[in-house]
Amino acid sequence: MQKANIEGKVWRFGKDIDTDLIIAARYLNTSVPEELAKHVMEDADPDFVKKMSRGDVIVAGENFGCGSSREHAPIALKAAGVAAVIAPTFARIFYRNAFNMGLPIFELQESAEISEGDMISVDMNAGTITNKTTNKTYNFIPIPPFMQELIDAGGLMEFAQKEIKGN
């Protein structure tokens, strides 16, 4: 059964946020999620990790996650407590890596209408994002069922373990 809702405060970033801005190459000497989390978005906003709270949401411009194909980017975001990323478009490799790592991402063309500091709610079952600050609701591009299963399981590895165990 999928998680029905994500609720959190919005942190805004612009377009073309590449994987080096999400987690800088200088930190790629580890793949330990807790270590990566300490530096997530550091080059885009040096105080991001100090300001954000677990469960907050990143809303960005188009082409989020462009750049290299490293899995470290969604791992770092998830480990830092980012509940989801919303953008009009995502780089294809980041899109797949996010689902493989269990990080929910949502394509929303109207993401520019959501401001930093707004409180939003994502209803994955209904396919809606509600800006609780402005009381406006948006429909996001549906997540394919198999991709939703990956999110529900916590990522590809967790999904595979459940399948092997027959759960």
C-alpha atoms as a PDB file:
ATOM      1  CA  MET A   1       0.000   0.000   0.000  1.00  0.00           C
ATOM      2  CA  GLN A   2       1.482   3.304  -1.018  1.00  0.00           C
ATOM      3  CA  LYS A   3       2.028   6.204   1.309  1.00  0.00           C
ATOM      4  CA  ALA A   4      -0.849   8.579   0.634  1.00  0.00           C
ATOM      5  CA  ASN A   5       0.577  11.935   1.681  1.00  0.00           C
ATOM      6  CA  ILE A   6       3.750  13.943   1.955  1.00  0.00           C
ATOM      7  CA  GLU A   7       3.546  17.269   3.767  1.00  0.00           C
ATOM      8  CA  GLY A   8       6.306  19.773   4.218  1.00  0.00           C
ATOM      9  CA  LYS A   9       7.787  23.214   3.856  1.00  0.00           C
ATOM     10  CA  VAL A  10       9.044  24.269   0.433  1.00  0.00           C
ATOM     11  CA  TRP A  11      12.649  25.134  -0.384  1.00  0.00           C
ATOM     12  CA  ARG A  12      13.041  26.736  -3.843  1.00  0.00           C
ATOM     13  CA  PHE A  13      15.839  26.233  -6.296  1.00  0.00           C
ATOM     14  CA  GLY A  14      16.166  27.369  -9.896  1.00  0.00           C
ATOM     15  CA  LYS A  15      16.433  25.508 -13.170  1.00  0.00           C
ATOM     16  CA  ASP A  16      19.251  23.212 -14.262  1.00  0.00           C
ATOM     17  CA  ILE A  17      20.199  22.144 -10.732  1.00  0.00           C
ATOM     18  CA  ASP A  18      22.845  19.598 -11.591  1.00  0.00           C
ATOM     19  CA  THR A  19      24.115  16.689  -9.550  1.00  0.00           C
ATOM     20  CA  ASP A  20      27.230  18.677  -8.583  1.00  0.00           C
ATOM     21  CA  LEU A  21      24.995  21.262  -6.897  1.00  0.00           C
ATOM     22  CA  ILE A  22      22.997  18.517  -5.188  1.00  0.00           C
ATOM     23  CA  ILE A  23      26.149  16.838  -3.846  1.00  0.00           C
ATOM     24  CA  ALA A  24      29.532  18.247  -4.826  1.00  0.00           C
ATOM     25  CA  ALA A  25      32.122  15.917  -6.344  1.00  0.00           C
ATOM     26  CA  ARG A  26      34.518  16.638  -3.466  1.00  0.00           C
ATOM     27  CA  TYR A  27      32.256  14.555  -1.184  1.00  0.00           C
ATOM     28  CA  LEU A  28      32.083  11.517  -3.454  1.00  0.00           C
ATOM     29  CA  ASN A  29      34.859   9.734  -1.613  1.00  0.00           C
ATOM     30  CA  THR A  30      32.042   8.121   0.396  1.00  0.00           C
ATOM     31  CA  SER A  31      28.675   6.604  -0.405  1.00  0.00           C
ATOM     32  CA  VAL A  32      27.545   6.592   3.233  1.00  0.00           C
ATOM     33  CA  PRO A  33      24.130   8.292   3.136  1.00  0.00           C
ATOM     34  CA  GLU A  34      24.538  10.061   6.502  1.00  0.00           C
ATOM     35  CA  GLU A  35      27.836  11.601   5.415  1.00  0.00           C
ATOM     36  CA  LEU A  36      26.455  12.728   2.054  1.00  0.00           C
ATOM     37  CA  ALA A  37      23.413  14.229   3.803  1.00  0.00           C
ATOM     38  CA  LYS A  38      25.612  16.696   5.687  1.00  0.00           C
ATOM     39  CA  HIS A  39      26.550  18.377   2.395  1.00  0.00           C
ATOM     40  CA  VAL A  40      23.387  18.185   0.282  1.00  0.00           C
ATOM     41  CA  MET A  41      22.738  21.351  -1.780  1.00  0.00           C
ATOM     42  CA  GLU A  42      25.754  22.975  -0.092  1.00  0.00           C
ATOM     43  CA  ASP A  43      27.027  24.725  -3.236  1.00  0.00           C
ATOM     44  CA  ALA A  44      23.546  26.041  -4.090  1.00  0.00           C
ATOM     45  CA  ASP A  45      22.748  27.132  -0.514  1.00  0.00           C
ATOM     46  CA  PRO A  46      25.517  26.638   2.074  1.00  0.00           C
ATOM     47  CA  ASP A  47      23.016  26.656   4.969  1.00  0.00           C
ATOM     48  CA  PHE A  48      20.367  24.422   3.386  1.00  0.00           C
ATOM     49  CA  VAL A  49      20.947  21.421   5.658  1.00  0.00           C
ATOM     50  CA  LYS A  50      20.922  23.651   8.757  1.00  0.00           C
ATOM     51  CA  LYS A  51      17.680  25.409   7.715  1.00  0.00           C
ATOM     52  CA  MET A  52      15.601  22.524   6.401  1.00  0.00           C
ATOM     53  CA  SER A  53      13.711  19.978   8.460  1.00  0.00           C
ATOM     54  CA  ARG A  54      13.112  16.314   7.812  1.00  0.00           C
ATOM     55  CA  GLY A  55      10.030  16.038   5.607  1.00  0.00           C
ATOM     56  CA  ASP A  56      10.580  19.302   3.737  1.00  0.00           C
ATOM     57  CA  VAL A  57      10.213  19.431  -0.042  1.00  0.00           C
ATOM     58  CA  ILE A  58      12.407  20.907  -2.767  1.00  0.00           C
ATOM     59  CA  VAL A  59      10.597  22.709  -5.588  1.00  0.00           C
ATOM     60  CA  ALA A  60      12.788  23.631  -8.528  1.00  0.00           C
ATOM     61  CA  GLY A  61      12.812  24.714 -12.138  1.00  0.00           C
ATOM     62  CA  GLU A  62      13.153  22.470 -15.150  1.00  0.00           C
ATOM     63  CA  ASN A  63      15.900  19.921 -15.726  1.00  0.00           C
ATOM     64  CA  PHE A  64      16.502  19.100 -12.049  1.00  0.00           C
ATOM     65  CA  GLY A  65      19.285  16.553 -11.612  1.00  0.00           C
ATOM     66  CA  CYS A  66      21.108  17.182 -14.875  1.00  0.00           C
ATOM     67  CA  GLY A  67      24.812  16.476 -15.111  1.00  0.00           C
ATOM     68  CA  SER A  68      26.476  13.237 -14.133  1.00  0.00           C
ATOM     69  CA  SER A  69      24.695   9.956 -13.611  1.00  0.00           C
ATOM     70  CA  ARG A  70      25.788   9.486 -10.007  1.00  0.00           C
ATOM     71  CA  GLU A  71      23.351   7.838  -7.603  1.00  0.00           C
ATOM     72  CA  HIS A  72      24.843   9.931  -4.796  1.00  0.00           C
ATOM     73  CA  ALA A  73      22.499  12.838  -5.582  1.00  0.00           C
ATOM     74  CA  PRO A  74      19.164  11.169  -4.710  1.00  0.00           C
ATOM     75  CA  ILE A  75      20.839   9.236  -1.888  1.00  0.00           C
ATOM     76  CA  ALA A  76      22.045  12.510  -0.327  1.00  0.00           C
ATOM     77  CA  LEU A  77      18.651  14.201  -0.698  1.00  0.00           C
ATOM     78  CA  LYS A  78      16.789  11.277   0.843  1.00  0.00           C
ATOM     79  CA  ALA A  79      19.311  10.860   3.675  1.00  0.00           C
ATOM     80  CA  ALA A  80      19.059  14.577   4.495  1.00  0.00           C
ATOM     81  CA  GLY A  81      15.330  14.126   4.998  1.00  0.00           C
ATOM     82  CA  VAL A  82      14.039  15.729   1.800  1.00  0.00           C
ATOM     83  CA  ALA A  83      10.618  14.101   1.425  1.00  0.00           C
ATOM     84  CA  ALA A  84      10.218  14.825  -2.292  1.00  0.00           C
ATOM     85  CA  VAL A  85      11.376  16.958  -5.198  1.00  0.00           C
ATOM     86  CA  ILE A  86       8.922  18.759  -7.470  1.00  0.00           C
ATOM     87  CA  ALA A  87       9.975  20.240 -10.813  1.00  0.00           C
ATOM     88  CA  PRO A  88       8.535  20.652 -14.322  1.00  0.00           C
ATOM     89  CA  THR A  89      11.149  18.233 -15.708  1.00  0.00           C
ATOM     90  CA  PHE A  90      13.949  16.026 -14.462  1.00  0.00           C
ATOM     91  CA  ALA A  91      17.060  14.756 -16.168  1.00  0.00           C
ATOM     92  CA  ARG A  92      16.225  11.206 -17.258  1.00  0.00           C
ATOM     93  CA  ILE A  93      19.065   9.490 -15.405  1.00  0.00           C
ATOM     94  CA  PHE A  94      18.296  11.400 -12.184  1.00  0.00           C
ATOM     95  CA  TYR A  95      14.616  10.493 -12.619  1.00  0.00           C
ATOM     96  CA  ARG A  96      15.396   6.795 -12.677  1.00  0.00           C
ATOM     97  CA  ASN A  97      18.048   7.008  -9.949  1.00  0.00           C
ATOM     98  CA  ALA A  98      15.598   8.824  -7.663  1.00  0.00           C
ATOM     99  CA  PHE A  99      13.044   6.041  -7.951  1.00  0.00           C
ATOM    100  CA  ASN A 100      15.740   3.383  -7.564  1.00  0.00           C
ATOM    101  CA  MET A 101      16.817   5.069  -4.317  1.00  0.00           C
ATOM    102  CA  GLY A 102      13.232   5.533  -3.073  1.00  0.00           C
ATOM    103  CA  LEU A 103      13.119   9.342  -3.393  1.00  0.00           C
ATOM    104  CA  PRO A 104       9.689  10.531  -4.583  1.00  0.00           C
ATOM    105  CA  ILE A 105       9.831  13.070  -7.397  1.00  0.00           C
ATOM    106  CA  PHE A 106       6.894  14.736  -9.112  1.00  0.00           C
ATOM    107  CA  GLU A 107       6.690  16.469 -12.480  1.00  0.00           C
ATOM    108  CA  LEU A 108       4.570  19.607 -12.163  1.00  0.00           C
ATOM    109  CA  GLN A 109       4.528  22.183 -14.932  1.00  0.00           C
ATOM    110  CA  GLU A 110       3.181  24.877 -12.569  1.00  0.00           C
ATOM    111  CA  SER A 111       5.951  24.431  -9.998  1.00  0.00           C
ATOM    112  CA  ALA A 112       6.972  28.105 -10.459  1.00  0.00           C
ATOM    113  CA  GLU A 113       3.703  29.088  -8.725  1.00  0.00           C
ATOM    114  CA  ILE A 114       4.925  27.517  -5.470  1.00  0.00           C
ATOM    115  CA  SER A 115       7.096  29.800  -3.322  1.00  0.00           C
ATOM    116  CA  GLU A 116       9.808  29.125  -0.786  1.00  0.00           C
ATOM    117  CA  GLY A 117       8.291  28.789   2.664  1.00  0.00           C
ATOM    118  CA  ASP A 118       4.909  27.602   1.392  1.00  0.00           C
ATOM    119  CA  MET A 119       3.486  24.526   3.076  1.00  0.00           C
ATOM    120  CA  ILE A 120       2.414  21.850   0.608  1.00  0.00           C
ATOM    121  CA  SER A 121       0.768  18.468   0.680  1.00  0.00           C
ATOM    122  CA  VAL A 122       1.254  15.777  -1.957  1.00  0.00           C
ATOM    123  CA  ASP A 123      -1.501  13.178  -2.255  1.00  0.00           C
ATOM    124  CA  MET A 124       0.061  10.376  -4.262  1.00  0.00           C
ATOM    125  CA  ASN A 125      -3.200   8.430  -4.462  1.00  0.00           C
ATOM    126  CA  ALA A 126      -5.156  11.385  -5.881  1.00  0.00           C
ATOM    127  CA  GLY A 127      -2.247  12.685  -7.967  1.00  0.00           C
ATOM    128  CA  THR A 128      -2.474  16.166  -6.483  1.00  0.00           C
ATOM    129  CA  ILE A 129      -0.230  18.726  -4.869  1.00  0.00           C
ATOM    130  CA  THR A 130      -1.986  21.245  -2.646  1.00  0.00           C
ATOM    131  CA  ASN A 131      -0.315  24.478  -1.685  1.00  0.00           C
ATOM    132  CA  LYS A 132      -1.746  24.934   1.803  1.00  0.00           C
ATOM    133  CA  THR A 133      -0.414  28.503   1.914  1.00  0.00           C
ATOM    134  CA  THR A 134      -2.320  29.658  -1.193  1.00  0.00           C
ATOM    135  CA  ASN A 135      -5.034  26.975  -1.063  1.00  0.00           C
ATOM    136  CA  LYS A 136      -4.370  26.043  -4.701  1.00  0.00           C
ATOM    137  CA  THR A 137      -4.334  22.430  -5.919  1.00  0.00           C
ATOM    138  CA  TYR A 138      -2.398  21.085  -8.901  1.00  0.00           C
ATOM    139  CA  ASN A 139      -2.456  17.756 -10.718  1.00  0.00           C
ATOM    140  CA  PHE A 140       0.962  16.207 -11.282  1.00  0.00           C
ATOM    141  CA  ILE A 141       2.013  13.844 -14.032  1.00  0.00           C
ATOM    142  CA  PRO A 142       1.131  10.365 -12.711  1.00  0.00           C
ATOM    143  CA  ILE A 143       3.899   8.095 -11.527  1.00  0.00           C
ATOM    144  CA  PRO A 144       3.878   4.746 -13.361  1.00  0.00           C
ATOM    145  CA  PRO A 145       2.650   1.925 -11.068  1.00  0.00           C
ATOM    146  CA  PHE A 146       5.974   0.043 -11.048  1.00  0.00           C
ATOM    147  CA  MET A 147       7.847   3.222 -10.130  1.00  0.00           C
ATOM    148  CA  GLN A 148       5.355   3.795  -7.305  1.00  0.00           C
ATOM    149  CA  GLU A 149       6.118   0.286  -6.043  1.00  0.00           C
ATOM    150  CA  LEU A 150       9.807   1.215  -5.857  1.00  0.00           C
ATOM    151  CA  ILE A 151       8.972   4.317  -3.783  1.00  0.00           C
ATOM    152  CA  ASP A 152       6.645   2.335  -1.517  1.00  0.00           C
ATOM    153  CA  ALA A 153       9.375  -0.242  -0.882  1.00  0.00           C
ATOM    154  CA  GLY A 154      12.008   2.422  -0.151  1.00  0.00           C
ATOM    155  CA  GLY A 155      13.982   1.869  -3.362  1.00  0.00           C
ATOM    156  CA  LEU A 156      15.036  -0.820  -5.815  1.00  0.00           C
ATOM    157  CA  MET A 157      17.130  -2.858  -3.366  1.00  0.00           C
ATOM    158  CA  GLU A 158      14.348  -2.967  -0.788  1.00  0.00           C
ATOM    159  CA  PHE A 159      11.841  -3.848  -3.513  1.00  0.00           C
ATOM    160  CA  ALA A 160      14.046  -6.713  -4.717  1.00  0.00           C
ATOM    161  CA  GLN A 161      14.485  -8.037  -1.168  1.00  0.00           C
ATOM    162  CA  LYS A 162      10.705  -8.107  -0.688  1.00  0.00           C
ATOM    163  CA  GLU A 163      10.270  -9.914  -3.993  1.00  0.00           C
ATOM    164  CA  ILE A 164      12.889 -12.516  -3.039  1.00  0.00           C
ATOM    165  CA  LYS A 165      11.227 -13.091   0.330  1.00  0.00           C
ATOM    166  CA  GLY A 166       7.834 -13.344  -1.367  1.00  0.00           C
ATOM    167  CA  ASN A 167       6.234 -10.486   0.584  1.00  0.00           C
END
